[in-house]
Structures are given as C-alpha cells and as structure tokens.
C-alpha cells in the first residue's frame, strides 16, 4: 500500500486550509482540527507536493520532505516579466562553441533543477543522458559518422542531408551533426508516459533557458534523432531502449556573442477566441 507520510506540525499550522483547497486530487481533509489524508486515499496522491509548497508557515511535510529544505519563493528571487521577455527574445541557437569543458558541478546543478520540469499527469518518467567531456563527445561524433557511413556502404536508405553531413565532415572537417559542441544532453521518457514527446520537448526548452542564464549556448540536435533512426545500433550508446522516445540538445560555452535580440514579434499568428 502506498504511503505518503503526510504530516502537519500543529505548532505551525494556522488552519488556513490552503493545502486542502489546492490539492488537485482532493484527498486532504480536516481531522481533529488539522489537515490529514485518510490512509485509504493515499493511493490517489499525485505526488505533486503542492501541499508542501502552498503552506504559508511550512507546517506540512510529505514523503519525508521538510519545508525548511525548500527554496523560499519571494519577489526578489523570481525574474521580472521584463527580464523574461528579454531572455526569450534573446535566445539564439548557438552553432559555434569553445572546446572548454563545462564544470561537472554546473552540469549537475542544471540537471537537478531540470528534474523539476512538469510532465503530463505528473508521470515523471524523464531520463537524462549527458556527455560531460569533450573527448567523449569526439568519440561519439566519430561513432555516429562511421555508423552512417556503414549504412551508406550497404546501400541502405539514408536521408540526403545525413549523407551530405558525413561528406562535409570527412572532406571539409565541418561538423553539421554536432556543430562542434563539447557536450550533449539526451532526454528520453517512458513509452507508457501520458505525454512522452511533450515531456521531452518541455524539458529541453527548460534546459535551454537554464543554460543561457548560466552563460552557456545550446542548439537542438535534430541531426542526432535522424541518425539514430537510421542507425538504431547507436541507441545503446545513449542508454536508449529500441522504442524509447527521445530528443537531444547540444551545449557548451559559446564562441560567439549576440549583442541584441532579433525582431520576430509578428512571426506567429494570433487568434482571439470568442464565443
């Protein structure tokens, strides 16, 4: 039987009922003057931790997690709307990188934060595979190139742009697949997840913004997805089962600096729905 270890400190609880009101599964009620969860309802817990986050006095604990170990949310800790507008407008796909390794501590911090990415139905089946050393990245680069070459030599069907990318690397030293990046993040999700593709895309979008705020550049690595589809023997290298959905992102210290935003505010169609 599932146990969520929902507890309330009676010395801190102000009986505001915020945890009761905000519970998406409506499993919290009042017993003896304090919020509680009936054991027969614990299996319905979504494990969202909203009760822990919404309690104004930090009285709630769940899964053994204490409020004092969370980050207090205050206005000065949240980027302003203006800062977020600039961040999103200024984001660029970086295709020029320094070969300097990003410190593993920074990567670990980014991935720990990334684990907080929302997922459909709070399934939380995301997995992160990271290449955190540029020497390993070079070995992967060669392995992918050789796998594509082997497919071409065997006359197997191959997208023209992959064949062209291999030729560019061998003949000109131009890395169109990995853009010369020193690092790679592969995000995958369980096939059984409610929304695996959306979960993956959302995690990578979050990572992109986190990386930019950390002085890193990123670019989505669609070439790798096509390469793995064409050469499935690459999947085990990335820790992927045969049918596991995934996508990838390159990252590292940029060797280029962008000085201003582009001007795309009218690039999307906007429709105001009325009934």
C-alpha atoms as a PDB file:
ATOM      1  CA  UNK A   1       0.000   0.000   0.000  1.00  0.00           C
ATOM      2  CA  UNK A   2       1.255   3.432  -0.941  1.00  0.00           C
ATOM      3  CA  UNK A   3       2.313   5.614   1.979  1.00  0.00           C
ATOM      4  CA  UNK A   4       2.851   9.338   1.527  1.00  0.00           C
ATOM      5  CA  UNK A   5       3.760  10.240   5.132  1.00  0.00           C
ATOM      6  CA  UNK A   6       1.624  13.389   5.132  1.00  0.00           C
ATOM      7  CA  UNK A   7       2.154  15.185   8.448  1.00  0.00           C
ATOM      8  CA  UNK A   8       1.290  18.602   9.828  1.00  0.00           C
ATOM      9  CA  UNK A   9       3.126  20.406  12.612  1.00  0.00           C
ATOM     10  CA  UNK A  10       0.366  21.626  14.966  1.00  0.00           C
ATOM     11  CA  UNK A  11       2.670  24.360  16.287  1.00  0.00           C
ATOM     12  CA  UNK A  12       2.985  25.872  12.797  1.00  0.00           C
ATOM     13  CA  UNK A  13      -0.413  25.174  11.243  1.00  0.00           C
ATOM     14  CA  UNK A  14      -2.663  28.252  11.128  1.00  0.00           C
ATOM     15  CA  UNK A  15      -5.653  26.275   9.789  1.00  0.00           C
ATOM     16  CA  UNK A  16      -5.837  28.338   6.595  1.00  0.00           C
ATOM     17  CA  UNK A  17      -6.890  25.246   4.613  1.00  0.00           C
ATOM     18  CA  UNK A  18      -4.612  26.229   1.704  1.00  0.00           C
ATOM     19  CA  UNK A  19      -3.349  22.645   1.377  1.00  0.00           C
ATOM     20  CA  UNK A  20      -6.917  21.332   1.290  1.00  0.00           C
ATOM     21  CA  UNK A  21      -8.070  23.812  -1.337  1.00  0.00           C
ATOM     22  CA  UNK A  22      -5.040  23.377  -3.611  1.00  0.00           C
ATOM     23  CA  UNK A  23      -4.826  19.563  -3.602  1.00  0.00           C
ATOM     24  CA  UNK A  24      -5.611  18.531  -7.202  1.00  0.00           C
ATOM     25  CA  UNK A  25      -6.869  15.110  -6.083  1.00  0.00           C
ATOM     26  CA  UNK A  26      -8.924  16.500  -3.158  1.00  0.00           C
ATOM     27  CA  UNK A  27      -7.636  13.907  -0.717  1.00  0.00           C
ATOM     28  CA  UNK A  28      -6.816  16.266   2.176  1.00  0.00           C
ATOM     29  CA  UNK A  29      -9.480  16.930   4.779  1.00  0.00           C
ATOM     30  CA  UNK A  30      -9.680  18.014   8.426  1.00  0.00           C
ATOM     31  CA  UNK A  31      -9.294  15.632  11.360  1.00  0.00           C
ATOM     32  CA  UNK A  32      -9.067  16.821  14.942  1.00  0.00           C
ATOM     33  CA  UNK A  33      -8.615  20.370  13.717  1.00  0.00           C
ATOM     34  CA  UNK A  34      -5.665  19.660  11.414  1.00  0.00           C
ATOM     35  CA  UNK A  35      -5.285  18.699   7.739  1.00  0.00           C
ATOM     36  CA  UNK A  36      -4.831  14.981   7.194  1.00  0.00           C
ATOM     37  CA  UNK A  37      -5.055  12.323   4.492  1.00  0.00           C
ATOM     38  CA  UNK A  38      -7.027   9.167   5.126  1.00  0.00           C
ATOM     39  CA  UNK A  39      -4.911   6.040   4.543  1.00  0.00           C
ATOM     40  CA  UNK A  40      -7.464   4.750   2.056  1.00  0.00           C
ATOM     41  CA  UNK A  41      -6.935   7.875  -0.071  1.00  0.00           C
ATOM     42  CA  UNK A  42      -3.134   7.913  -0.064  1.00  0.00           C
ATOM     43  CA  UNK A  43      -3.002   5.853  -3.266  1.00  0.00           C
ATOM     44  CA  UNK A  44      -4.734   8.746  -5.051  1.00  0.00           C
ATOM     45  CA  UNK A  45      -1.904  11.177  -4.274  1.00  0.00           C
ATOM     46  CA  UNK A  46      -0.472  12.745  -7.421  1.00  0.00           C
ATOM     47  CA  UNK A  47       2.866  13.352  -5.648  1.00  0.00           C
ATOM     48  CA  UNK A  48       2.840  16.966  -6.840  1.00  0.00           C
ATOM     49  CA  UNK A  49       3.917  18.350  -3.430  1.00  0.00           C
ATOM     50  CA  UNK A  50       1.511  21.277  -3.804  1.00  0.00           C
ATOM     51  CA  UNK A  51       0.578  20.910  -0.149  1.00  0.00           C
ATOM     52  CA  UNK A  52       4.231  21.354   0.846  1.00  0.00           C
ATOM     53  CA  UNK A  53       4.646  24.373  -1.432  1.00  0.00           C
ATOM     54  CA  UNK A  54       1.408  26.202  -0.645  1.00  0.00           C
ATOM     55  CA  UNK A  55       1.589  26.083   3.158  1.00  0.00           C
ATOM     56  CA  UNK A  56       2.435  29.651   4.260  1.00  0.00           C
ATOM     57  CA  UNK A  57       4.059  28.582   7.545  1.00  0.00           C
ATOM     58  CA  UNK A  58       5.880  25.440   6.419  1.00  0.00           C
ATOM     59  CA  UNK A  59       3.740  23.192   8.602  1.00  0.00           C
ATOM     60  CA  UNK A  60       3.240  20.449   6.012  1.00  0.00           C
ATOM     61  CA  UNK A  61       5.616  17.574   5.375  1.00  0.00           C
ATOM     62  CA  UNK A  62       5.091  14.823   2.802  1.00  0.00           C
ATOM     63  CA  UNK A  63       7.239  11.878   1.671  1.00  0.00           C
ATOM     64  CA  UNK A  64       9.609  12.815   4.482  1.00  0.00           C
ATOM     65  CA  UNK A  65      10.321  16.157   2.789  1.00  0.00           C
ATOM     66  CA  UNK A  66      10.501  19.188   5.071  1.00  0.00           C
ATOM     67  CA  UNK A  67       9.536  22.751   4.166  1.00  0.00           C
ATOM     68  CA  UNK A  68      12.794  24.114   5.558  1.00  0.00           C
ATOM     69  CA  UNK A  69      14.703  22.269   2.824  1.00  0.00           C
ATOM     70  CA  UNK A  70      12.771  24.014   0.039  1.00  0.00           C
ATOM     71  CA  UNK A  71      13.688  27.368  -1.510  1.00  0.00           C
ATOM     72  CA  UNK A  72      11.514  30.168  -0.165  1.00  0.00           C
ATOM     73  CA  UNK A  73       9.767  31.992  -3.006  1.00  0.00           C
ATOM     74  CA  UNK A  74       9.918  35.779  -2.871  1.00  0.00           C
ATOM     75  CA  UNK A  75       9.677  38.557  -5.433  1.00  0.00           C
ATOM     76  CA  UNK A  76      13.420  39.223  -5.456  1.00  0.00           C
ATOM     77  CA  UNK A  77      14.144  35.579  -6.329  1.00  0.00           C
ATOM     78  CA  UNK A  78      11.833  35.498  -9.355  1.00  0.00           C
ATOM     79  CA  UNK A  79      12.912  37.089 -12.677  1.00  0.00           C
ATOM     80  CA  UNK A  80      10.807  40.090 -13.611  1.00  0.00           C
ATOM     81  CA  UNK A  81       8.461  39.987 -16.594  1.00  0.00           C
ATOM     82  CA  UNK A  82      10.795  42.357 -18.442  1.00  0.00           C
ATOM     83  CA  UNK A  83      13.771  40.058 -17.815  1.00  0.00           C
ATOM     84  CA  UNK A  84      11.835  37.033 -19.068  1.00  0.00           C
ATOM     85  CA  UNK A  85      10.720  38.899 -22.201  1.00  0.00           C
ATOM     86  CA  UNK A  86      14.354  39.765 -22.942  1.00  0.00           C
ATOM     87  CA  UNK A  87      15.547  36.230 -22.219  1.00  0.00           C
ATOM     88  CA  UNK A  88      13.048  34.675 -24.607  1.00  0.00           C
ATOM     89  CA  UNK A  89      13.601  37.250 -27.320  1.00  0.00           C
ATOM     90  CA  UNK A  90      17.380  36.980 -26.968  1.00  0.00           C
ATOM     91  CA  UNK A  91      17.628  33.194 -27.077  1.00  0.00           C
ATOM     92  CA  UNK A  92      19.676  32.033 -30.050  1.00  0.00           C
ATOM     93  CA  UNK A  93      20.661  28.626 -31.401  1.00  0.00           C
ATOM     94  CA  UNK A  94      24.433  28.527 -30.936  1.00  0.00           C
ATOM     95  CA  UNK A  95      26.499  26.761 -33.595  1.00  0.00           C
ATOM     96  CA  UNK A  96      29.950  27.966 -32.535  1.00  0.00           C
ATOM     97  CA  UNK A  97      31.448  26.550 -29.346  1.00  0.00           C
ATOM     98  CA  UNK A  98      34.575  26.699 -27.244  1.00  0.00           C
ATOM     99  CA  UNK A  99      36.150  23.305 -26.549  1.00  0.00           C
ATOM    100  CA  UNK A 100      36.383  24.118 -22.843  1.00  0.00           C
ATOM    101  CA  UNK A 101      34.518  21.616 -20.694  1.00  0.00           C
ATOM    102  CA  UNK A 102      31.639  22.969 -18.665  1.00  0.00           C
ATOM    103  CA  UNK A 103      32.341  22.082 -15.000  1.00  0.00           C
ATOM    104  CA  UNK A 104      30.550  18.883 -13.994  1.00  0.00           C
ATOM    105  CA  UNK A 105      29.236  20.649 -10.894  1.00  0.00           C
ATOM    106  CA  UNK A 106      27.436  23.191 -13.073  1.00  0.00           C
ATOM    107  CA  UNK A 107      26.002  20.442 -15.272  1.00  0.00           C
ATOM    108  CA  UNK A 108      24.820  18.509 -12.211  1.00  0.00           C
ATOM    109  CA  UNK A 109      23.124  21.636 -10.847  1.00  0.00           C
ATOM    110  CA  UNK A 110      21.378  22.268 -14.167  1.00  0.00           C
ATOM    111  CA  UNK A 111      20.108  18.691 -14.355  1.00  0.00           C
ATOM    112  CA  UNK A 112      18.947  18.711 -10.730  1.00  0.00           C
ATOM    113  CA  UNK A 113      16.853  21.787 -11.493  1.00  0.00           C
ATOM    114  CA  UNK A 114      15.703  20.246 -14.767  1.00  0.00           C
ATOM    115  CA  UNK A 115      14.269  17.284 -12.861  1.00  0.00           C
ATOM    116  CA  UNK A 116      11.577  19.730 -11.688  1.00  0.00           C
ATOM    117  CA  UNK A 117      10.218  20.060 -15.245  1.00  0.00           C
ATOM    118  CA  UNK A 118       6.456  19.435 -15.273  1.00  0.00           C
ATOM    119  CA  UNK A 119       5.273  16.267 -17.006  1.00  0.00           C
ATOM    120  CA  UNK A 120       1.865  15.114 -18.191  1.00  0.00           C
ATOM    121  CA  UNK A 121      -0.177  13.682 -15.293  1.00  0.00           C
ATOM    122  CA  UNK A 122       2.958  14.199 -13.188  1.00  0.00           C
ATOM    123  CA  UNK A 123       4.269  10.891 -14.583  1.00  0.00           C
ATOM    124  CA  UNK A 124       7.904  11.941 -14.090  1.00  0.00           C
ATOM    125  CA  UNK A 125       9.437   9.278 -16.340  1.00  0.00           C
ATOM    126  CA  UNK A 126      12.135  11.544 -17.800  1.00  0.00           C
ATOM    127  CA  UNK A 127      15.712  10.302 -18.079  1.00  0.00           C
ATOM    128  CA  UNK A 128      18.778  12.419 -18.826  1.00  0.00           C
ATOM    129  CA  UNK A 129      21.884  11.088 -20.590  1.00  0.00           C
ATOM    130  CA  UNK A 130      24.676  13.630 -20.711  1.00  0.00           C
ATOM    131  CA  UNK A 131      28.057  13.762 -22.428  1.00  0.00           C
ATOM    132  CA  UNK A 132      30.019  15.878 -19.959  1.00  0.00           C
ATOM    133  CA  UNK A 133      33.501  15.655 -21.516  1.00  0.00           C
ATOM    134  CA  UNK A 134      34.548  16.965 -24.935  1.00  0.00           C
ATOM    135  CA  UNK A 135      36.826  13.946 -25.504  1.00  0.00           C
ATOM    136  CA  UNK A 136      33.874  11.587 -25.076  1.00  0.00           C
ATOM    137  CA  UNK A 137      31.892  13.857 -27.362  1.00  0.00           C
ATOM    138  CA  UNK A 138      34.519  13.468 -30.068  1.00  0.00           C
ATOM    139  CA  UNK A 139      34.341   9.671 -29.770  1.00  0.00           C
ATOM    140  CA  UNK A 140      30.557   9.836 -30.096  1.00  0.00           C
ATOM    141  CA  UNK A 141      30.909  12.159 -33.084  1.00  0.00           C
ATOM    142  CA  UNK A 142      33.141   9.627 -34.880  1.00  0.00           C
ATOM    143  CA  UNK A 143      30.902   6.702 -33.911  1.00  0.00           C
ATOM    144  CA  UNK A 144      27.869   8.404 -35.426  1.00  0.00           C
ATOM    145  CA  UNK A 145      29.758   9.338 -38.592  1.00  0.00           C
ATOM    146  CA  UNK A 146      31.037   5.768 -39.014  1.00  0.00           C
ATOM    147  CA  UNK A 147      27.581   4.286 -38.427  1.00  0.00           C
ATOM    148  CA  UNK A 148      26.099   6.452 -41.161  1.00  0.00           C
ATOM    149  CA  UNK A 149      28.982   5.601 -43.489  1.00  0.00           C
ATOM    150  CA  UNK A 150      28.392   1.891 -42.904  1.00  0.00           C
ATOM    151  CA  UNK A 151      24.737   2.291 -43.806  1.00  0.00           C
ATOM    152  CA  UNK A 152      25.641   4.166 -46.981  1.00  0.00           C
ATOM    153  CA  UNK A 153      28.169   1.487 -47.970  1.00  0.00           C
ATOM    154  CA  UNK A 154      25.480  -1.159 -47.505  1.00  0.00           C
ATOM    155  CA  UNK A 155      23.186   0.835 -49.794  1.00  0.00           C
ATOM    156  CA  UNK A 156      20.660   1.330 -47.022  1.00  0.00           C
ATOM    157  CA  UNK A 157      18.180   4.179 -47.374  1.00  0.00           C
ATOM    158  CA  UNK A 158      19.616   7.342 -45.849  1.00  0.00           C
ATOM    159  CA  UNK A 159      18.293  10.930 -45.806  1.00  0.00           C
ATOM    160  CA  UNK A 160      20.283  13.077 -48.224  1.00  0.00           C
ATOM    161  CA  UNK A 161      21.154  15.632 -45.531  1.00  0.00           C
ATOM    162  CA  UNK A 162      22.798  12.922 -43.387  1.00  0.00           C
ATOM    163  CA  UNK A 163      24.894  11.732 -46.320  1.00  0.00           C
ATOM    164  CA  UNK A 164      25.842  15.341 -47.022  1.00  0.00           C
ATOM    165  CA  UNK A 165      26.740  15.889 -43.357  1.00  0.00           C
ATOM    166  CA  UNK A 166      29.096  12.906 -43.402  1.00  0.00           C
ATOM    167  CA  UNK A 167      30.739  14.154 -46.583  1.00  0.00           C
ATOM    168  CA  UNK A 168      31.137  17.655 -45.093  1.00  0.00           C
ATOM    169  CA  UNK A 169      32.858  16.215 -42.029  1.00  0.00           C
ATOM    170  CA  UNK A 170      35.199  13.902 -43.925  1.00  0.00           C
ATOM    171  CA  UNK A 171      36.073  16.283 -46.737  1.00  0.00           C
ATOM    172  CA  UNK A 172      35.991  19.694 -45.044  1.00  0.00           C
ATOM    173  CA  UNK A 173      36.072  18.992 -41.310  1.00  0.00           C
ATOM    174  CA  UNK A 174      32.704  20.688 -40.930  1.00  0.00           C
ATOM    175  CA  UNK A 175      30.582  19.183 -38.160  1.00  0.00           C
ATOM    176  CA  UNK A 176      26.990  19.716 -39.236  1.00  0.00           C
ATOM    177  CA  UNK A 177      25.633  16.983 -36.975  1.00  0.00           C
ATOM    178  CA  UNK A 178      27.023  18.131 -33.611  1.00  0.00           C
ATOM    179  CA  UNK A 179      28.110  21.677 -34.559  1.00  0.00           C
ATOM    180  CA  UNK A 180      31.443  21.185 -32.835  1.00  0.00           C
ATOM    181  CA  UNK A 181      29.754  21.260 -29.422  1.00  0.00           C
ATOM    182  CA  UNK A 182      31.631  19.780 -26.446  1.00  0.00           C
ATOM    183  CA  UNK A 183      28.518  18.471 -24.672  1.00  0.00           C
ATOM    184  CA  UNK A 184      25.257  16.710 -25.392  1.00  0.00           C
ATOM    185  CA  UNK A 185      22.071  16.188 -23.401  1.00  0.00           C
ATOM    186  CA  UNK A 186      19.705  13.402 -24.435  1.00  0.00           C
ATOM    187  CA  UNK A 187      16.274  13.491 -22.805  1.00  0.00           C
ATOM    188  CA  UNK A 188      14.038  10.443 -23.009  1.00  0.00           C
ATOM    189  CA  UNK A 189      10.734   9.392 -21.480  1.00  0.00           C
ATOM    190  CA  UNK A 190       8.953   6.102 -20.941  1.00  0.00           C
ATOM    191  CA  UNK A 191       6.703   4.945 -23.759  1.00  0.00           C
ATOM    192  CA  UNK A 192       3.993   4.442 -21.153  1.00  0.00           C
ATOM    193  CA  UNK A 193       4.053   8.101 -20.083  1.00  0.00           C
ATOM    194  CA  UNK A 194       0.880  10.058 -20.755  1.00  0.00           C
ATOM    195  CA  UNK A 195       2.648  12.629 -22.945  1.00  0.00           C
ATOM    196  CA  UNK A 196       6.220  11.463 -23.571  1.00  0.00           C
ATOM    197  CA  UNK A 197       7.052  13.672 -26.561  1.00  0.00           C
ATOM    198  CA  UNK A 198       5.674  16.782 -24.894  1.00  0.00           C
ATOM    199  CA  UNK A 199       7.542  15.969 -21.677  1.00  0.00           C
ATOM    200  CA  UNK A 200      10.820  15.645 -23.586  1.00  0.00           C
ATOM    201  CA  UNK A 201      10.335  18.879 -25.517  1.00  0.00           C
ATOM    202  CA  UNK A 202       9.380  20.804 -22.404  1.00  0.00           C
ATOM    203  CA  UNK A 203      12.448  19.543 -20.511  1.00  0.00           C
ATOM    204  CA  UNK A 204      14.765  20.589 -23.327  1.00  0.00           C
ATOM    205  CA  UNK A 205      13.108  24.008 -23.571  1.00  0.00           C
ATOM    206  CA  UNK A 206      13.628  24.463 -19.830  1.00  0.00           C
ATOM    207  CA  UNK A 207      17.244  23.346 -20.151  1.00  0.00           C
ATOM    208  CA  UNK A 208      17.840  25.805 -22.962  1.00  0.00           C
ATOM    209  CA  UNK A 209      16.751  28.741 -20.810  1.00  0.00           C
ATOM    210  CA  UNK A 210      18.627  27.495 -17.737  1.00  0.00           C
ATOM    211  CA  UNK A 211      21.776  27.070 -19.812  1.00  0.00           C
ATOM    212  CA  UNK A 212      21.501  30.552 -21.287  1.00  0.00           C
ATOM    213  CA  UNK A 213      21.211  32.052 -17.799  1.00  0.00           C
ATOM    214  CA  UNK A 214      24.380  30.130 -16.886  1.00  0.00           C
ATOM    215  CA  UNK A 215      26.404  31.617 -19.747  1.00  0.00           C
ATOM    216  CA  UNK A 216      26.056  28.551 -21.975  1.00  0.00           C
ATOM    217  CA  UNK A 217      24.923  28.183 -25.551  1.00  0.00           C
ATOM    218  CA  UNK A 218      22.596  25.478 -26.851  1.00  0.00           C
ATOM    219  CA  UNK A 219      21.077  24.155 -30.031  1.00  0.00           C
ATOM    220  CA  UNK A 220      18.519  21.430 -30.661  1.00  0.00           C
ATOM    221  CA  UNK A 221      20.175  18.393 -32.219  1.00  0.00           C
ATOM    222  CA  UNK A 222      17.678  17.066 -34.745  1.00  0.00           C
ATOM    223  CA  UNK A 223      20.503  15.508 -36.778  1.00  0.00           C
ATOM    224  CA  UNK A 224      21.124  13.002 -33.964  1.00  0.00           C
ATOM    225  CA  UNK A 225      17.478  11.938 -33.934  1.00  0.00           C
ATOM    226  CA  UNK A 226      17.611  11.212 -37.668  1.00  0.00           C
ATOM    227  CA  UNK A 227      20.975   9.472 -37.316  1.00  0.00           C
ATOM    228  CA  UNK A 228      19.712   7.180 -34.556  1.00  0.00           C
ATOM    229  CA  UNK A 229      16.562   6.409 -36.523  1.00  0.00           C
ATOM    230  CA  UNK A 230      18.739   5.451 -39.497  1.00  0.00           C
ATOM    231  CA  UNK A 231      21.278   3.538 -37.382  1.00  0.00           C
ATOM    232  CA  UNK A 232      19.425   2.030 -34.373  1.00  0.00           C
ATOM    233  CA  UNK A 233      22.638   0.382 -33.151  1.00  0.00           C
ATOM    234  CA  UNK A 234      23.504   3.819 -31.744  1.00  0.00           C
ATOM    235  CA  UNK A 235      20.668   3.599 -29.217  1.00  0.00           C
ATOM    236  CA  UNK A 236      22.503   1.507 -26.577  1.00  0.00           C
ATOM    237  CA  UNK A 237      25.374   4.021 -26.556  1.00  0.00           C
ATOM    238  CA  UNK A 238      22.872   6.651 -25.423  1.00  0.00           C
ATOM    239  CA  UNK A 239      21.192   4.300 -22.958  1.00  0.00           C
ATOM    240  CA  UNK A 240      18.033   4.063 -25.066  1.00  0.00           C
ATOM    241  CA  UNK A 241      15.830   1.027 -25.465  1.00  0.00           C
ATOM    242  CA  UNK A 242      14.631   0.205 -29.016  1.00  0.00           C
ATOM    243  CA  UNK A 243      11.357   2.140 -28.775  1.00  0.00           C
ATOM    244  CA  UNK A 244      12.193   4.806 -26.185  1.00  0.00           C
ATOM    245  CA  UNK A 245      11.247   8.291 -27.439  1.00  0.00           C
ATOM    246  CA  UNK A 246      13.978  10.909 -27.131  1.00  0.00           C
ATOM    247  CA  UNK A 247      15.431  14.147 -28.405  1.00  0.00           C
ATOM    248  CA  UNK A 248      18.756  15.863 -27.840  1.00  0.00           C
ATOM    249  CA  UNK A 249      20.377  19.226 -27.265  1.00  0.00           C
ATOM    250  CA  UNK A 250      23.970  20.367 -27.757  1.00  0.00           C
ATOM    251  CA  UNK A 251      25.508  22.741 -25.262  1.00  0.00           C
ATOM    252  CA  UNK A 252      28.735  24.358 -24.141  1.00  0.00           C
ATOM    253  CA  UNK A 253      30.451  27.701 -23.757  1.00  0.00           C
ATOM    254  CA  UNK A 254      29.641  29.740 -26.876  1.00  0.00           C
ATOM    255  CA  UNK A 255      32.387  31.041 -29.156  1.00  0.00           C
ATOM    256  CA  UNK A 256      30.041  33.734 -30.416  1.00  0.00           C
ATOM    257  CA  UNK A 257      28.248  36.608 -28.709  1.00  0.00           C
ATOM    258  CA  UNK A 258      24.913  38.067 -29.764  1.00  0.00           C
ATOM    259  CA  UNK A 259      24.545  41.753 -28.958  1.00  0.00           C
ATOM    260  CA  UNK A 260      20.819  42.254 -29.391  1.00  0.00           C
ATOM    261  CA  UNK A 261      17.516  40.489 -29.896  1.00  0.00           C
ATOM    262  CA  UNK A 262      16.037  39.726 -33.290  1.00  0.00           C
ATOM    263  CA  UNK A 263      12.646  41.173 -34.286  1.00  0.00           C
ATOM    264  CA  UNK A 264      10.033  38.458 -34.580  1.00  0.00           C
ATOM    265  CA  UNK A 265       7.089  39.686 -32.553  1.00  0.00           C
ATOM    266  CA  UNK A 266       4.819  39.201 -35.578  1.00  0.00           C
ATOM    267  CA  UNK A 267       6.171  35.770 -36.539  1.00  0.00           C
ATOM    268  CA  UNK A 268       3.224  33.830 -35.083  1.00  0.00           C
ATOM    269  CA  UNK A 269      -0.440  34.055 -35.964  1.00  0.00           C
ATOM    270  CA  UNK A 270      -2.625  35.106 -33.052  1.00  0.00           C
ATOM    271  CA  UNK A 271      -6.341  34.356 -32.949  1.00  0.00           C
ATOM    272  CA  UNK A 272      -8.565  35.668 -30.181  1.00  0.00           C
ATOM    273  CA  UNK A 273     -11.266  33.134 -29.470  1.00  0.00           C
ATOM    274  CA  UNK A 274     -14.755  34.420 -28.817  1.00  0.00           C
ATOM    275  CA  UNK A 275     -17.957  32.539 -28.184  1.00  0.00           C
END
